[in-house]
Amino acid sequence: MRCNGLVANRGAMGVTAAATLGPRTVTRIDAEPAGTAPWAYITGAAYGLNAAPARAVAWKAALAKVAADESAMEKARMECCRGIAARGDAGDIPLFLPLLSSASEEVRVSAASAILRLGRPSGRP
């Protein structure tokens, strides 16, 4: 899947790219239309790795907004949950509680998985 010159393959390429983010890559991520699956994969990976600390607050807010949007792509919503959970802590659990009532079974599972991950003392599986 190609997006704005970046390649996303179920998040794997996003993780690789995010580990070495430069200003051009940050600009490309921010230029990708929010709510698309590629945006969610790459932004979630970048946020999870804290690859651009200056963008972390904005990326987390954008990920949370898309995850909560019932009209957004299911895969994007799922990946937003994963991205936030990768770096979050127990204080982020309230973001996921409303998602447990989502019309999408996959989003409900992703939210539950995020809650379980964040509820562990270390935040890791």
PDB file of N, CA and C in Angstrom:
ATOM      1  N   MET A   1       0.851  -1.157   0.000  1.00  0.00           N
ATOM      2  CA  MET A   1       0.000   0.000   0.000  1.00  0.00           C
ATOM      3  C   MET A   1       0.907   1.233   0.000  1.00  0.00           C
ATOM      4  N   ARG A   2       0.694   2.142  -0.915  1.00  0.00           N
ATOM      5  CA  ARG A   2       1.527   3.329  -1.029  1.00  0.00           C
ATOM      6  C   ARG A   2       0.760   4.546  -0.539  1.00  0.00           C
ATOM      7  N   CYS A   3       1.429   5.402   0.202  1.00  0.00           N
ATOM      8  CA  CYS A   3       0.766   6.599   0.715  1.00  0.00           C
ATOM      9  C   CYS A   3       1.782   7.724   0.828  1.00  0.00           C
ATOM     10  N   ASN A   4       1.590   8.761   0.042  1.00  0.00           N
ATOM     11  CA  ASN A   4       2.426   9.952   0.133  1.00  0.00           C
ATOM     12  C   ASN A   4       3.918   9.649   0.074  1.00  0.00           C
ATOM     13  N   GLY A   5       4.313   8.656  -0.713  1.00  0.00           N
ATOM     14  CA  GLY A   5       5.720   8.322  -0.836  1.00  0.00           C
ATOM     15  C   GLY A   5       6.214   7.376   0.234  1.00  0.00           C
ATOM     16  N   LEU A   6       5.373   7.027   1.188  1.00  0.00           N
ATOM     17  CA  LEU A   6       5.738   6.068   2.220  1.00  0.00           C
ATOM     18  C   LEU A   6       5.027   4.763   1.916  1.00  0.00           C
ATOM     19  N   VAL A   7       5.572   3.680   2.373  1.00  0.00           N
ATOM     20  CA  VAL A   7       4.948   2.388   2.152  1.00  0.00           C
ATOM     21  C   VAL A   7       4.471   1.846   3.483  1.00  0.00           C
ATOM     22  N   ALA A   8       3.236   1.391   3.508  1.00  0.00           N
ATOM     23  CA  ALA A   8       2.682   0.801   4.725  1.00  0.00           C
ATOM     24  C   ALA A   8       2.279  -0.628   4.416  1.00  0.00           C
ATOM     25  N   ASN A   9       2.769  -1.555   5.188  1.00  0.00           N
ATOM     26  CA  ASN A   9       2.412  -2.953   5.037  1.00  0.00           C
ATOM     27  C   ASN A   9       2.064  -3.483   6.408  1.00  0.00           C
ATOM     28  N   ARG A  10       0.801  -3.330   6.783  1.00  0.00           N
ATOM     29  CA  ARG A  10       0.291  -3.761   8.091  1.00  0.00           C
ATOM     30  C   ARG A  10       1.125  -3.181   9.225  1.00  0.00           C
ATOM     31  N   GLY A  11       1.670  -1.995   8.997  1.00  0.00           N
ATOM     32  CA  GLY A  11       2.395  -1.312  10.041  1.00  0.00           C
ATOM     33  C   GLY A  11       3.887  -1.608  10.060  1.00  0.00           C
ATOM     34  N   ALA A  12       4.308  -2.718   9.484  1.00  0.00           N
ATOM     35  CA  ALA A  12       5.714  -3.110   9.561  1.00  0.00           C
ATOM     36  C   ALA A  12       6.633  -2.073   8.930  1.00  0.00           C
ATOM     37  N   MET A  13       6.284  -1.612   7.745  1.00  0.00           N
ATOM     38  CA  MET A  13       7.121  -0.608   7.099  1.00  0.00           C
ATOM     39  C   MET A  13       7.016   0.719   7.836  1.00  0.00           C
ATOM     40  N   GLY A  14       5.867   0.999   8.390  1.00  0.00           N
ATOM     41  CA  GLY A  14       5.704   2.221   9.169  1.00  0.00           C
ATOM     42  C   GLY A  14       6.626   2.216  10.370  1.00  0.00           C
ATOM     43  N   VAL A  15       6.754   1.066  11.021  1.00  0.00           N
ATOM     44  CA  VAL A  15       7.642   0.959  12.180  1.00  0.00           C
ATOM     45  C   VAL A  15       9.071   1.193  11.750  1.00  0.00           C
ATOM     46  N   THR A  16       9.478   0.570  10.646  1.00  0.00           N
ATOM     47  CA  THR A  16      10.844   0.738  10.161  1.00  0.00           C
ATOM     48  C   THR A  16      11.118   2.194   9.819  1.00  0.00           C
ATOM     49  N   ALA A  17      10.190   2.818   9.099  1.00  0.00           N
ATOM     50  CA  ALA A  17      10.382   4.217   8.717  1.00  0.00           C
ATOM     51  C   ALA A  17      10.365   5.116   9.943  1.00  0.00           C
ATOM     52  N   ALA A  18       9.483   4.809  10.889  1.00  0.00           N
ATOM     53  CA  ALA A  18       9.339   5.672  12.063  1.00  0.00           C
ATOM     54  C   ALA A  18      10.577   5.660  12.940  1.00  0.00           C
ATOM     55  N   ALA A  19      11.319   4.570  12.945  1.00  0.00           N
ATOM     56  CA  ALA A  19      12.486   4.471  13.803  1.00  0.00           C
ATOM     57  C   ALA A  19      13.564   5.477  13.397  1.00  0.00           C
ATOM     58  N   THR A  20      13.531   5.960  12.167  1.00  0.00           N
ATOM     59  CA  THR A  20      14.543   6.885  11.678  1.00  0.00           C
ATOM     60  C   THR A  20      13.901   8.130  11.068  1.00  0.00           C
ATOM     61  N   LEU A  21      12.894   8.650  11.727  1.00  0.00           N
ATOM     62  CA  LEU A  21      12.163   9.790  11.166  1.00  0.00           C
ATOM     63  C   LEU A  21      13.019  11.039  11.049  1.00  0.00           C
ATOM     64  N   GLY A  22      12.902  11.664   9.918  1.00  0.00           N
ATOM     65  CA  GLY A  22      13.493  12.968   9.713  1.00  0.00           C
ATOM     66  C   GLY A  22      12.378  13.966   9.452  1.00  0.00           C
ATOM     67  N   PRO A  23      12.710  15.233   9.311  1.00  0.00           N
ATOM     68  CA  PRO A  23      11.684  16.259   9.099  1.00  0.00           C
ATOM     69  C   PRO A  23      10.825  16.014   7.861  1.00  0.00           C
ATOM     70  N   ARG A  24      11.413  15.494   6.778  1.00  0.00           N
ATOM     71  CA  ARG A  24      10.636  15.232   5.564  1.00  0.00           C
ATOM     72  C   ARG A  24       9.606  14.143   5.797  1.00  0.00           C
ATOM     73  N   THR A  25       9.974  13.125   6.549  1.00  0.00           N
ATOM     74  CA  THR A  25       9.043  12.033   6.826  1.00  0.00           C
ATOM     75  C   THR A  25       7.900  12.514   7.702  1.00  0.00           C
ATOM     76  N   VAL A  26       8.203  13.325   8.702  1.00  0.00           N
ATOM     77  CA  VAL A  26       7.156  13.890   9.560  1.00  0.00           C
ATOM     78  C   VAL A  26       6.184  14.687   8.704  1.00  0.00           C
ATOM     79  N   THR A  27       6.702  15.476   7.782  1.00  0.00           N
ATOM     80  CA  THR A  27       5.856  16.271   6.888  1.00  0.00           C
ATOM     81  C   THR A  27       4.974  15.364   6.043  1.00  0.00           C
ATOM     82  N   ARG A  28       5.530  14.262   5.559  1.00  0.00           N
ATOM     83  CA  ARG A  28       4.743  13.327   4.745  1.00  0.00           C
ATOM     84  C   ARG A  28       3.653  12.656   5.573  1.00  0.00           C
ATOM     85  N   ILE A  29       3.967  12.277   6.791  1.00  0.00           N
ATOM     86  CA  ILE A  29       2.954  11.669   7.655  1.00  0.00           C
ATOM     87  C   ILE A  29       1.827  12.671   7.888  1.00  0.00           C
ATOM     88  N   ASP A  30       2.174  13.895   8.197  1.00  0.00           N
ATOM     89  CA  ASP A  30       1.172  14.917   8.470  1.00  0.00           C
ATOM     90  C   ASP A  30       0.362  15.278   7.231  1.00  0.00           C
ATOM     91  N   ALA A  31       0.908  15.032   6.039  1.00  0.00           N
ATOM     92  CA  ALA A  31       0.197  15.335   4.798  1.00  0.00           C
ATOM     93  C   ALA A  31      -0.773  14.225   4.405  1.00  0.00           C
ATOM     94  N   GLU A  32      -0.587  13.035   4.932  1.00  0.00           N
ATOM     95  CA  GLU A  32      -1.473  11.906   4.615  1.00  0.00           C
ATOM     96  C   GLU A  32      -2.862  12.190   5.184  1.00  0.00           C
ATOM     97  N   PRO A  33      -3.912  11.925   4.423  1.00  0.00           N
ATOM     98  CA  PRO A  33      -5.266  12.179   4.932  1.00  0.00           C
ATOM     99  C   PRO A  33      -5.567  11.349   6.186  1.00  0.00           C
ATOM    100  N   ALA A  34      -5.886  12.015   7.262  1.00  0.00           N
ATOM    101  CA  ALA A  34      -6.195  11.326   8.514  1.00  0.00           C
ATOM    102  C   ALA A  34      -7.398  10.422   8.322  1.00  0.00           C
ATOM    103  N   GLY A  35      -7.352   9.297   8.972  1.00  0.00           N
ATOM    104  CA  GLY A  35      -8.465   8.365   8.914  1.00  0.00           C
ATOM    105  C   GLY A  35      -8.282   7.249   7.915  1.00  0.00           C
ATOM    106  N   THR A  36      -7.280   7.357   7.047  1.00  0.00           N
ATOM    107  CA  THR A  36      -7.013   6.260   6.122  1.00  0.00           C
ATOM    108  C   THR A  36      -6.206   5.195   6.851  1.00  0.00           C
ATOM    109  N   ALA A  37      -6.277   3.968   6.369  1.00  0.00           N
ATOM    110  CA  ALA A  37      -5.510   2.896   6.994  1.00  0.00           C
ATOM    111  C   ALA A  37      -3.998   3.176   6.947  1.00  0.00           C
ATOM    112  N   PRO A  38      -3.441   3.618   5.803  1.00  0.00           N
ATOM    113  CA  PRO A  38      -2.002   3.913   5.797  1.00  0.00           C
ATOM    114  C   PRO A  38      -1.619   4.981   6.813  1.00  0.00           C
ATOM    115  N   TRP A  39      -2.429   6.032   6.919  1.00  0.00           N
ATOM    116  CA  TRP A  39      -2.145   7.079   7.907  1.00  0.00           C
ATOM    117  C   TRP A  39      -2.127   6.486   9.308  1.00  0.00           C
ATOM    118  N   ALA A  40      -3.109   5.672   9.616  1.00  0.00           N
ATOM    119  CA  ALA A  40      -3.198   5.092  10.955  1.00  0.00           C
ATOM    120  C   ALA A  40      -2.015   4.172  11.245  1.00  0.00           C
ATOM    121  N   TYR A  41      -1.619   3.354  10.269  1.00  0.00           N
ATOM    122  CA  TYR A  41      -0.478   2.454  10.465  1.00  0.00           C
ATOM    123  C   TYR A  41       0.788   3.245  10.755  1.00  0.00           C
ATOM    124  N   ILE A  42       1.054   4.238   9.910  1.00  0.00           N
ATOM    125  CA  ILE A  42       2.307   4.979  10.023  1.00  0.00           C
ATOM    126  C   ILE A  42       2.294   5.933  11.219  1.00  0.00           C
ATOM    127  N   THR A  43       1.203   6.639  11.420  1.00  0.00           N
ATOM    128  CA  THR A  43       1.118   7.565  12.550  1.00  0.00           C
ATOM    129  C   THR A  43       1.144   6.806  13.872  1.00  0.00           C
ATOM    130  N   GLY A  44       0.428   5.684  13.922  1.00  0.00           N
ATOM    131  CA  GLY A  44       0.441   4.862  15.131  1.00  0.00           C
ATOM    132  C   GLY A  44       1.832   4.345  15.459  1.00  0.00           C
ATOM    133  N   ALA A  45       2.560   3.902  14.431  1.00  0.00           N
ATOM    134  CA  ALA A  45       3.925   3.425  14.646  1.00  0.00           C
ATOM    135  C   ALA A  45       4.834   4.561  15.093  1.00  0.00           C
ATOM    136  N   ALA A  46       4.726   5.708  14.436  1.00  0.00           N
ATOM    137  CA  ALA A  46       5.562   6.854  14.798  1.00  0.00           C
ATOM    138  C   ALA A  46       5.270   7.304  16.224  1.00  0.00           C
ATOM    139  N   TYR A  47       3.991   7.377  16.588  1.00  0.00           N
ATOM    140  CA  TYR A  47       3.616   7.759  17.952  1.00  0.00           C
ATOM    141  C   TYR A  47       4.117   6.722  18.954  1.00  0.00           C
ATOM    142  N   GLY A  48       3.891   5.456  18.652  1.00  0.00           N
ATOM    143  CA  GLY A  48       4.292   4.385  19.563  1.00  0.00           C
ATOM    144  C   GLY A  48       5.782   4.356  19.835  1.00  0.00           C
ATOM    145  N   LEU A  49       6.568   4.707  18.842  1.00  0.00           N
ATOM    146  CA  LEU A  49       8.026   4.722  18.987  1.00  0.00           C
ATOM    147  C   LEU A  49       8.557   6.056  19.494  1.00  0.00           C
ATOM    148  N   ASN A  50       7.678   7.035  19.661  1.00  0.00           N
ATOM    149  CA  ASN A  50       8.087   8.392  20.034  1.00  0.00           C
ATOM    150  C   ASN A  50       9.152   8.898  19.064  1.00  0.00           C
ATOM    151  N   ALA A  51       8.878   8.650  17.787  1.00  0.00           N
ATOM    152  CA  ALA A  51       9.847   8.962  16.744  1.00  0.00           C
ATOM    153  C   ALA A  51       9.971  10.451  16.450  1.00  0.00           C
ATOM    154  N   ALA A  52       8.988  11.235  16.834  1.00  0.00           N
ATOM    155  CA  ALA A  52       9.034  12.690  16.655  1.00  0.00           C
ATOM    156  C   ALA A  52       8.378  13.311  17.887  1.00  0.00           C
ATOM    157  N   PRO A  53       9.122  13.447  18.984  1.00  0.00           N
ATOM    158  CA  PRO A  53       8.538  13.918  20.245  1.00  0.00           C
ATOM    159  C   PRO A  53       7.721  15.204  20.132  1.00  0.00           C
ATOM    160  N   ALA A  54       8.112  16.099  19.258  1.00  0.00           N
ATOM    161  CA  ALA A  54       7.376  17.353  19.113  1.00  0.00           C
ATOM    162  C   ALA A  54       5.971  17.134  18.536  1.00  0.00           C
ATOM    163  N   ARG A  55       5.738  16.028  17.866  1.00  0.00           N
ATOM    164  CA  ARG A  55       4.444  15.730  17.250  1.00  0.00           C
ATOM    165  C   ARG A  55       3.603  14.775  18.100  1.00  0.00           C
ATOM    166  N   ALA A  56       4.147  14.256  19.196  1.00  0.00           N
ATOM    167  CA  ALA A  56       3.481  13.205  19.966  1.00  0.00           C
ATOM    168  C   ALA A  56       2.084  13.599  20.444  1.00  0.00           C
ATOM    169  N   VAL A  57       1.930  14.760  21.016  1.00  0.00           N
ATOM    170  CA  VAL A  57       0.623  15.179  21.543  1.00  0.00           C
ATOM    171  C   VAL A  57      -0.396  15.275  20.408  1.00  0.00           C
ATOM    172  N   ALA A  58      -0.006  15.884  19.307  1.00  0.00           N
ATOM    173  CA  ALA A  58      -0.922  16.039  18.165  1.00  0.00           C
ATOM    174  C   ALA A  58      -1.269  14.685  17.558  1.00  0.00           C
ATOM    175  N   TRP A  59      -0.272  13.813  17.414  1.00  0.00           N
ATOM    176  CA  TRP A  59      -0.537  12.491  16.841  1.00  0.00           C
ATOM    177  C   TRP A  59      -1.458  11.671  17.744  1.00  0.00           C
ATOM    178  N   LYS A  60      -1.240  11.720  19.048  1.00  0.00           N
ATOM    179  CA  LYS A  60      -2.099  10.974  19.963  1.00  0.00           C
ATOM    180  C   LYS A  60      -3.535  11.476  19.863  1.00  0.00           C
ATOM    181  N   ALA A  61      -3.721  12.780  19.833  1.00  0.00           N
ATOM    182  CA  ALA A  61      -5.067  13.350  19.721  1.00  0.00           C
ATOM    183  C   ALA A  61      -5.737  12.927  18.418  1.00  0.00           C
ATOM    184  N   ALA A  62      -4.980  12.947  17.329  1.00  0.00           N
ATOM    185  CA  ALA A  62      -5.535  12.552  16.029  1.00  0.00           C
ATOM    186  C   ALA A  62      -5.879  11.066  16.015  1.00  0.00           C
ATOM    187  N   LEU A  63      -5.013  10.233  16.594  1.00  0.00           N
ATOM    188  CA  LEU A  63      -5.289   8.797  16.669  1.00  0.00           C
ATOM    189  C   LEU A  63      -6.553   8.537  17.487  1.00  0.00           C
ATOM    190  N   ALA A  64      -6.684   9.215  18.617  1.00  0.00           N
ATOM    191  CA  ALA A  64      -7.860   9.040  19.473  1.00  0.00           C
ATOM    192  C   ALA A  64      -9.133   9.490  18.753  1.00  0.00           C
ATOM    193  N   LYS A  65      -9.052  10.577  18.006  1.00  0.00           N
ATOM    194  CA  LYS A  65     -10.215  11.091  17.285  1.00  0.00           C
ATOM    195  C   LYS A  65     -10.690  10.091  16.234  1.00  0.00           C
ATOM    196  N   VAL A  66      -9.762   9.538  15.470  1.00  0.00           N
ATOM    197  CA  VAL A  66     -10.135   8.567  14.436  1.00  0.00           C
ATOM    198  C   VAL A  66     -10.659   7.283  15.073  1.00  0.00           C
ATOM    199  N   ALA A  67     -10.024   6.827  16.145  1.00  0.00           N
ATOM    200  CA  ALA A  67     -10.483   5.602  16.813  1.00  0.00           C
ATOM    201  C   ALA A  67     -11.933   5.747  17.272  1.00  0.00           C
ATOM    202  N   ALA A  68     -12.312   6.919  17.718  1.00  0.00           N
ATOM    203  CA  ALA A  68     -13.666   7.150  18.237  1.00  0.00           C
ATOM    204  C   ALA A  68     -14.707   7.410  17.148  1.00  0.00           C
ATOM    205  N   ASP A  69     -14.274   7.641  15.932  1.00  0.00           N
ATOM    206  CA  ASP A  69     -15.170   8.005  14.834  1.00  0.00           C
ATOM    207  C   ASP A  69     -15.770   6.758  14.175  1.00  0.00           C
ATOM    208  N   GLU A  70     -17.047   6.496  14.455  1.00  0.00           N
ATOM    209  CA  GLU A  70     -17.727   5.317  13.894  1.00  0.00           C
ATOM    210  C   GLU A  70     -17.770   5.332  12.372  1.00  0.00           C
ATOM    211  N   SER A  71     -17.630   6.499  11.758  1.00  0.00           N
ATOM    212  CA  SER A  71     -17.680   6.561  10.296  1.00  0.00           C
ATOM    213  C   SER A  71     -16.301   6.357   9.651  1.00  0.00           C
ATOM    214  N   ALA A  72     -15.251   6.288  10.462  1.00  0.00           N
ATOM    215  CA  ALA A  72     -13.890   6.080   9.928  1.00  0.00           C
ATOM    216  C   ALA A  72     -13.710   4.618   9.516  1.00  0.00           C
ATOM    217  N   MET A  73     -12.712   4.370   8.692  1.00  0.00           N
ATOM    218  CA  MET A  73     -12.414   3.012   8.237  1.00  0.00           C
ATOM    219  C   MET A  73     -12.126   2.106   9.438  1.00  0.00           C
ATOM    220  N   GLU A  74     -12.689   0.907   9.409  1.00  0.00           N
ATOM    221  CA  GLU A  74     -12.507  -0.044  10.507  1.00  0.00           C
ATOM    222  C   GLU A  74     -11.028  -0.327  10.760  1.00  0.00           C
ATOM    223  N   LYS A  75     -10.273  -0.606   9.700  1.00  0.00           N
ATOM    224  CA  LYS A  75      -8.850  -0.922   9.865  1.00  0.00           C
ATOM    225  C   LYS A  75      -8.083   0.257  10.454  1.00  0.00           C
ATOM    226  N   ALA A  76      -8.448   1.458  10.065  1.00  0.00           N
ATOM    227  CA  ALA A  76      -7.793   2.641  10.616  1.00  0.00           C
ATOM    228  C   ALA A  76      -8.083   2.754  12.106  1.00  0.00           C
ATOM    229  N   ARG A  77      -9.330   2.532  12.489  1.00  0.00           N
ATOM    230  CA  ARG A  77      -9.705   2.618  13.903  1.00  0.00           C
ATOM    231  C   ARG A  77      -8.960   1.576  14.724  1.00  0.00           C
ATOM    232  N   MET A  78      -8.845   0.378  14.184  1.00  0.00           N
ATOM    233  CA  MET A  78      -8.125  -0.687  14.887  1.00  0.00           C
ATOM    234  C   MET A  78      -6.659  -0.299  15.088  1.00  0.00           C
ATOM    235  N   GLU A  79      -6.045   0.210  14.045  1.00  0.00           N
ATOM    236  CA  GLU A  79      -4.629   0.574  14.127  1.00  0.00           C
ATOM    237  C   GLU A  79      -4.417   1.759  15.055  1.00  0.00           C
ATOM    238  N   CYS A  80      -5.368   2.668  15.133  1.00  0.00           N
ATOM    239  CA  CYS A  80      -5.276   3.785  16.076  1.00  0.00           C
ATOM    240  C   CYS A  80      -5.239   3.251  17.507  1.00  0.00           C
ATOM    241  N   CYS A  81      -6.065   2.264  17.800  1.00  0.00           N
ATOM    242  CA  CYS A  81      -6.044   1.642  19.134  1.00  0.00           C
ATOM    243  C   CYS A  81      -4.667   1.051  19.421  1.00  0.00           C
ATOM    244  N   ARG A  82      -4.133   0.334  18.461  1.00  0.00           N
ATOM    245  CA  ARG A  82      -2.807  -0.279  18.644  1.00  0.00           C
ATOM    246  C   ARG A  82      -1.722   0.776  18.853  1.00  0.00           C
ATOM    247  N   GLY A  83      -1.775   1.835  18.070  1.00  0.00           N
ATOM    248  CA  GLY A  83      -0.761   2.882  18.170  1.00  0.00           C
ATOM    249  C   GLY A  83      -0.756   3.554  19.535  1.00  0.00           C
ATOM    250  N   ILE A  84      -1.937   3.890  20.033  1.00  0.00           N
ATOM    251  CA  ILE A  84      -2.016   4.530  21.353  1.00  0.00           C
ATOM    252  C   ILE A  84      -1.574   3.570  22.438  1.00  0.00           C
ATOM    253  N   ALA A  85      -2.010   2.315  22.347  1.00  0.00           N
ATOM    254  CA  ALA A  85      -1.668   1.323  23.375  1.00  0.00           C
ATOM    255  C   ALA A  85      -0.171   1.005  23.398  1.00  0.00           C
ATOM    256  N   ALA A  86       0.494   1.144  22.256  1.00  0.00           N
ATOM    257  CA  ALA A  86       1.921   0.829  22.201  1.00  0.00           C
ATOM    258  C   ALA A  86       2.752   1.718  23.114  1.00  0.00           C
ATOM    259  N   ARG A  87       2.261   2.915  23.367  1.00  0.00           N
ATOM    260  CA  ARG A  87       3.029   3.875  24.148  1.00  0.00           C
ATOM    261  C   ARG A  87       2.289   4.374  25.381  1.00  0.00           C
ATOM    262  N   GLY A  88       1.032   4.044  25.483  1.00  0.00           N
ATOM    263  CA  GLY A  88       0.212   4.596  26.538  1.00  0.00           C
ATOM    264  C   GLY A  88       0.446   3.996  27.905  1.00  0.00           C
ATOM    265  N   ASP A  89      -0.398   4.422  28.835  1.00  0.00           N
ATOM    266  CA  ASP A  89      -0.383   3.880  30.188  1.00  0.00           C
ATOM    267  C   ASP A  89      -1.817   3.761  30.669  1.00  0.00           C
ATOM    268  N   ALA A  90      -2.008   3.349  31.902  1.00  0.00           N
ATOM    269  CA  ALA A  90      -3.356   3.129  32.431  1.00  0.00           C
ATOM    270  C   ALA A  90      -4.223   4.387  32.345  1.00  0.00           C
ATOM    271  N   GLY A  91      -3.621   5.555  32.312  1.00  0.00           N
ATOM    272  CA  GLY A  91      -4.381   6.793  32.188  1.00  0.00           C
ATOM    273  C   GLY A  91      -5.088   6.943  30.850  1.00  0.00           C
ATOM    274  N   ASP A  92      -4.680   6.141  29.868  1.00  0.00           N
ATOM    275  CA  ASP A  92      -5.314   6.191  28.544  1.00  0.00           C
ATOM    276  C   ASP A  92      -6.513   5.260  28.426  1.00  0.00           C
ATOM    277  N   ILE A  93      -6.752   4.430  29.408  1.00  0.00           N
ATOM    278  CA  ILE A  93      -7.863   3.469  29.334  1.00  0.00           C
ATOM    279  C   ILE A  93      -9.199   4.152  29.046  1.00  0.00           C
ATOM    280  N   PRO A  94      -9.515   5.301  29.640  1.00  0.00           N
ATOM    281  CA  PRO A  94     -10.811   5.935  29.335  1.00  0.00           C
ATOM    282  C   PRO A  94     -11.027   6.241  27.847  1.00  0.00           C
ATOM    283  N   LEU A  95      -9.957   6.396  27.068  1.00  0.00           N
ATOM    284  CA  LEU A  95     -10.103   6.615  25.626  1.00  0.00           C
ATOM    285  C   LEU A  95     -10.772   5.420  24.955  1.00  0.00           C
ATOM    286  N   PHE A  96     -10.534   4.233  25.504  1.00  0.00           N
ATOM    287  CA  PHE A  96     -10.986   3.003  24.864  1.00  0.00           C
ATOM    288  C   PHE A  96     -12.337   2.503  25.359  1.00  0.00           C
ATOM    289  N   LEU A  97     -12.784   2.951  26.512  1.00  0.00           N
ATOM    290  CA  LEU A  97     -14.036   2.444  27.079  1.00  0.00           C
ATOM    291  C   LEU A  97     -15.237   2.627  26.145  1.00  0.00           C
ATOM    292  N   PRO A  98     -15.427   3.801  25.527  1.00  0.00           N
ATOM    293  CA  PRO A  98     -16.569   3.937  24.612  1.00  0.00           C
ATOM    294  C   PRO A  98     -16.473   3.016  23.392  1.00  0.00           C
ATOM    295  N   LEU A  99     -15.257   2.652  23.020  1.00  0.00           N
ATOM    296  CA  LEU A  99     -15.067   1.802  21.839  1.00  0.00           C
ATOM    297  C   LEU A  99     -15.535   0.372  22.083  1.00  0.00           C
ATOM    298  N   LEU A 100     -15.701  -0.003  23.332  1.00  0.00           N
ATOM    299  CA  LEU A 100     -16.204  -1.343  23.639  1.00  0.00           C
ATOM    300  C   LEU A 100     -17.652  -1.516  23.194  1.00  0.00           C
ATOM    301  N   SER A 101     -18.320  -0.417  22.879  1.00  0.00           N
ATOM    302  CA  SER A 101     -19.702  -0.445  22.391  1.00  0.00           C
ATOM    303  C   SER A 101     -19.782  -0.158  20.894  1.00  0.00           C
ATOM    304  N   SER A 102     -18.663  -0.169  20.204  1.00  0.00           N
ATOM    305  CA  SER A 102     -18.639   0.121  18.771  1.00  0.00           C
ATOM    306  C   SER A 102     -19.491  -0.885  18.001  1.00  0.00           C
ATOM    307  N   ALA A 103     -20.014  -0.451  16.881  1.00  0.00           N
ATOM    308  CA  ALA A 103     -20.754  -1.351  15.990  1.00  0.00           C
ATOM    309  C   ALA A 103     -19.822  -2.389  15.375  1.00  0.00           C
ATOM    310  N   SER A 104     -18.534  -2.076  15.299  1.00  0.00           N
ATOM    311  CA  SER A 104     -17.552  -2.971  14.696  1.00  0.00           C
ATOM    312  C   SER A 104     -16.966  -3.928  15.731  1.00  0.00           C
ATOM    313  N   GLU A 105     -17.121  -5.215  15.471  1.00  0.00           N
ATOM    314  CA  GLU A 105     -16.547  -6.218  16.367  1.00  0.00           C
ATOM    315  C   GLU A 105     -15.026  -6.074  16.435  1.00  0.00           C
ATOM    316  N   GLU A 106     -14.403  -5.806  15.302  1.00  0.00           N
ATOM    317  CA  GLU A 106     -12.945  -5.676  15.257  1.00  0.00           C
ATOM    318  C   GLU A 106     -12.460  -4.500  16.093  1.00  0.00           C
ATOM    319  N   VAL A 107     -13.181  -3.404  16.069  1.00  0.00           N
ATOM    320  CA  VAL A 107     -12.815  -2.240  16.877  1.00  0.00           C
ATOM    321  C   VAL A 107     -13.004  -2.563  18.354  1.00  0.00           C
ATOM    322  N   ARG A 108     -14.083  -3.263  18.685  1.00  0.00           N
ATOM    323  CA  ARG A 108     -14.301  -3.660  20.078  1.00  0.00           C
ATOM    324  C   ARG A 108     -13.151  -4.533  20.580  1.00  0.00           C
ATOM    325  N   VAL A 109     -12.706  -5.468  19.752  1.00  0.00           N
ATOM    326  CA  VAL A 109     -11.594  -6.352  20.125  1.00  0.00           C
ATOM    327  C   VAL A 109     -10.305  -5.541  20.275  1.00  0.00           C
ATOM    328  N   SER A 110     -10.062  -4.621  19.357  1.00  0.00           N
ATOM    329  CA  SER A 110      -8.853  -3.786  19.445  1.00  0.00           C
ATOM    330  C   SER A 110      -8.865  -2.923  20.704  1.00  0.00           C
ATOM    331  N   ALA A 111     -10.022  -2.377  21.035  1.00  0.00           N
ATOM    332  CA  ALA A 111     -10.142  -1.558  22.248  1.00  0.00           C
ATOM    333  C   ALA A 111      -9.918  -2.414  23.490  1.00  0.00           C
ATOM    334  N   ALA A 112     -10.508  -3.605  23.519  1.00  0.00           N
ATOM    335  CA  ALA A 112     -10.334  -4.495  24.668  1.00  0.00           C
ATOM    336  C   ALA A 112      -8.869  -4.901  24.821  1.00  0.00           C
ATOM    337  N   SER A 113      -8.222  -5.192  23.707  1.00  0.00           N
ATOM    338  CA  SER A 113      -6.808  -5.543  23.730  1.00  0.00           C
ATOM    339  C   SER A 113      -5.967  -4.390  24.267  1.00  0.00           C
ATOM    340  N   ALA A 114      -6.289  -3.172  23.833  1.00  0.00           N
ATOM    341  CA  ALA A 114      -5.569  -1.986  24.319  1.00  0.00           C
ATOM    342  C   ALA A 114      -5.765  -1.819  25.825  1.00  0.00           C
ATOM    343  N   ILE A 115      -6.986  -1.996  26.292  1.00  0.00           N
ATOM    344  CA  ILE A 115      -7.261  -1.867  27.727  1.00  0.00           C
ATOM    345  C   ILE A 115      -6.484  -2.903  28.521  1.00  0.00           C
ATOM    346  N   LEU A 116      -6.472  -4.136  28.034  1.00  0.00           N
ATOM    347  CA  LEU A 116      -5.722  -5.187  28.737  1.00  0.00           C
ATOM    348  C   LEU A 116      -4.228  -4.868  28.773  1.00  0.00           C
ATOM    349  N   ARG A 117      -3.711  -4.395  27.656  1.00  0.00           N
ATOM    350  CA  ARG A 117      -2.284  -4.048  27.594  1.00  0.00           C
ATOM    351  C   ARG A 117      -1.955  -2.899  28.541  1.00  0.00           C
ATOM    352  N   LEU A 118      -2.794  -1.880  28.539  1.00  0.00           N
ATOM    353  CA  LEU A 118      -2.539  -0.703  29.366  1.00  0.00           C
ATOM    354  C   LEU A 118      -2.800  -0.968  30.835  1.00  0.00           C
ATOM    355  N   GLY A 119      -3.631  -1.940  31.136  1.00  0.00           N
ATOM    356  CA  GLY A 119      -3.940  -2.263  32.526  1.00  0.00           C
ATOM    357  C   GLY A 119      -2.876  -3.083  33.227  1.00  0.00           C
ATOM    358  N   ARG A 120      -1.941  -3.619  32.464  1.00  0.00           N
ATOM    359  CA  ARG A 120      -0.838  -4.372  33.077  1.00  0.00           C
ATOM    360  C   ARG A 120       0.144  -3.414  33.710  1.00  0.00           C
ATOM    361  N   PRO A 121       0.760  -3.814  34.828  1.00  0.00           N
ATOM    362  CA  PRO A 121       1.689  -2.905  35.521  1.00  0.00           C
ATOM    363  C   PRO A 121       2.785  -2.330  34.635  1.00  0.00           C
ATOM    364  N   SER A 122       3.328  -3.122  33.716  1.00  0.00           N
ATOM    365  CA  SER A 122       4.390  -2.620  32.859  1.00  0.00           C
ATOM    366  C   SER A 122       3.857  -2.012  31.585  1.00  0.00           C
ATOM    367  N   GLY A 123       2.569  -2.207  31.279  1.00  0.00           N
ATOM    368  CA  GLY A 123       1.992  -1.722  30.039  1.00  0.00           C
ATOM    369  C   GLY A 123       2.366  -2.566  28.850  1.00  0.00           C
ATOM    370  N   ARG A 124       3.037  -3.664  29.083  1.00  0.00           N
ATOM    371  CA  ARG A 124       3.495  -4.542  27.995  1.00  0.00           C
ATOM    372  C   ARG A 124       2.886  -5.925  28.158  1.00  0.00           C
ATOM    373  N   PRO A 125       2.759  -6.637  27.019  1.00  0.00           N
ATOM    374  CA  PRO A 125       2.201  -7.996  27.081  1.00  0.00           C
ATOM    375  C   PRO A 125       3.115  -8.951  27.821  1.00  0.00           C
TER     376      PRO A 125
END
